[in-house]
Amino acid sequence: MDVRYCGGGGSRADTS
């Protein structure tokens, strides 16, 4: 997963 996957509005906001 990338940090841009949720952008800060999803469940996970990590770079993992």
PDB file of N, CA and C in Angstrom:
ATOM      1  N   MET A   1       0.850  -1.199   0.000  1.00  0.00           N
ATOM      2  CA  MET A   1       0.000   0.000   0.000  1.00  0.00           C
ATOM      3  C   MET A   1       0.887   1.252   0.000  1.00  0.00           C
ATOM      4  N   ASP A   2       0.349   2.331  -0.505  1.00  0.00           N
ATOM      5  CA  ASP A   2       1.080   3.604  -0.518  1.00  0.00           C
ATOM      6  C   ASP A   2       0.299   4.623   0.301  1.00  0.00           C
ATOM      7  N   VAL A   3       1.005   5.670   0.717  1.00  0.00           N
ATOM      8  CA  VAL A   3       0.375   6.701   1.539  1.00  0.00           C
ATOM      9  C   VAL A   3      -0.725   7.421   0.765  1.00  0.00           C
ATOM     10  N   ARG A   4      -0.569   7.442  -0.571  1.00  0.00           N
ATOM     11  CA  ARG A   4      -1.553   8.115  -1.426  1.00  0.00           C
ATOM     12  C   ARG A   4      -2.810   7.260  -1.600  1.00  0.00           C
ATOM     13  N   TYR A   5      -2.780   6.025  -1.098  1.00  0.00           N
ATOM     14  CA  TYR A   5      -3.910   5.111  -1.251  1.00  0.00           C
ATOM     15  C   TYR A   5      -5.148   5.635  -0.530  1.00  0.00           C
ATOM     16  N   CYS A   6      -4.939   6.204   0.683  1.00  0.00           N
ATOM     17  CA  CYS A   6      -6.066   6.750   1.414  1.00  0.00           C
ATOM     18  C   CYS A   6      -5.992   8.267   1.476  1.00  0.00           C
ATOM     19  N   GLY A   7      -4.790   8.813   1.444  1.00  0.00           N
ATOM     20  CA  GLY A   7      -4.624  10.250   1.429  1.00  0.00           C
ATOM     21  C   GLY A   7      -4.931  10.907   2.764  1.00  0.00           C
ATOM     22  N   GLY A   8      -5.223  10.112   3.782  1.00  0.00           N
ATOM     23  CA  GLY A   8      -5.508  10.645   5.109  1.00  0.00           C
ATOM     24  C   GLY A   8      -6.998  10.575   5.427  1.00  0.00           C
ATOM     25  N   GLY A   9      -7.792  10.017   4.531  1.00  0.00           N
ATOM     26  CA  GLY A   9      -9.231   9.924   4.761  1.00  0.00           C
ATOM     27  C   GLY A   9      -9.701   8.481   4.823  1.00  0.00           C
ATOM     28  N   GLY A  10      -8.749   7.551   4.902  1.00  0.00           N
ATOM     29  CA  GLY A  10      -9.102   6.134   4.924  1.00  0.00           C
ATOM     30  C   GLY A  10      -8.769   5.494   6.259  1.00  0.00           C
ATOM     31  N   SER A  11      -8.794   4.165   6.295  1.00  0.00           N
ATOM     32  CA  SER A  11      -8.505   3.446   7.516  1.00  0.00           C
ATOM     33  C   SER A  11      -7.007   3.500   7.827  1.00  0.00           C
ATOM     34  N   ARG A  12      -6.197   3.342   6.780  1.00  0.00           N
ATOM     35  CA  ARG A  12      -4.750   3.306   6.994  1.00  0.00           C
ATOM     36  C   ARG A  12      -4.084   4.472   6.266  1.00  0.00           C
ATOM     37  N   ALA A  13      -3.342   5.255   7.002  1.00  0.00           N
ATOM     38  CA  ALA A  13      -2.667   6.416   6.423  1.00  0.00           C
ATOM     39  C   ALA A  13      -1.154   6.268   6.573  1.00  0.00           C
ATOM     40  N   ASP A  14      -0.679   5.052   6.409  1.00  0.00           N
ATOM     41  CA  ASP A  14       0.762   4.798   6.526  1.00  0.00           C
ATOM     42  C   ASP A  14       1.363   4.523   5.149  1.00  0.00           C
ATOM     43  N   THR A  15       2.697   4.478   5.090  1.00  0.00           N
ATOM     44  CA  THR A  15       3.389   4.247   3.828  1.00  0.00           C
ATOM     45  C   THR A  15       3.601   2.759   3.598  1.00  0.00           C
ATOM     46  N   SER A  16       3.102   1.910   4.493  1.00  0.00           N
ATOM     47  CA  SER A  16       3.310   0.478   4.425  1.00  0.00           C
ATOM     48  C   SER A  16       2.351  -0.166   3.415  1.00  0.00           C
TER      49      SER A  16
END
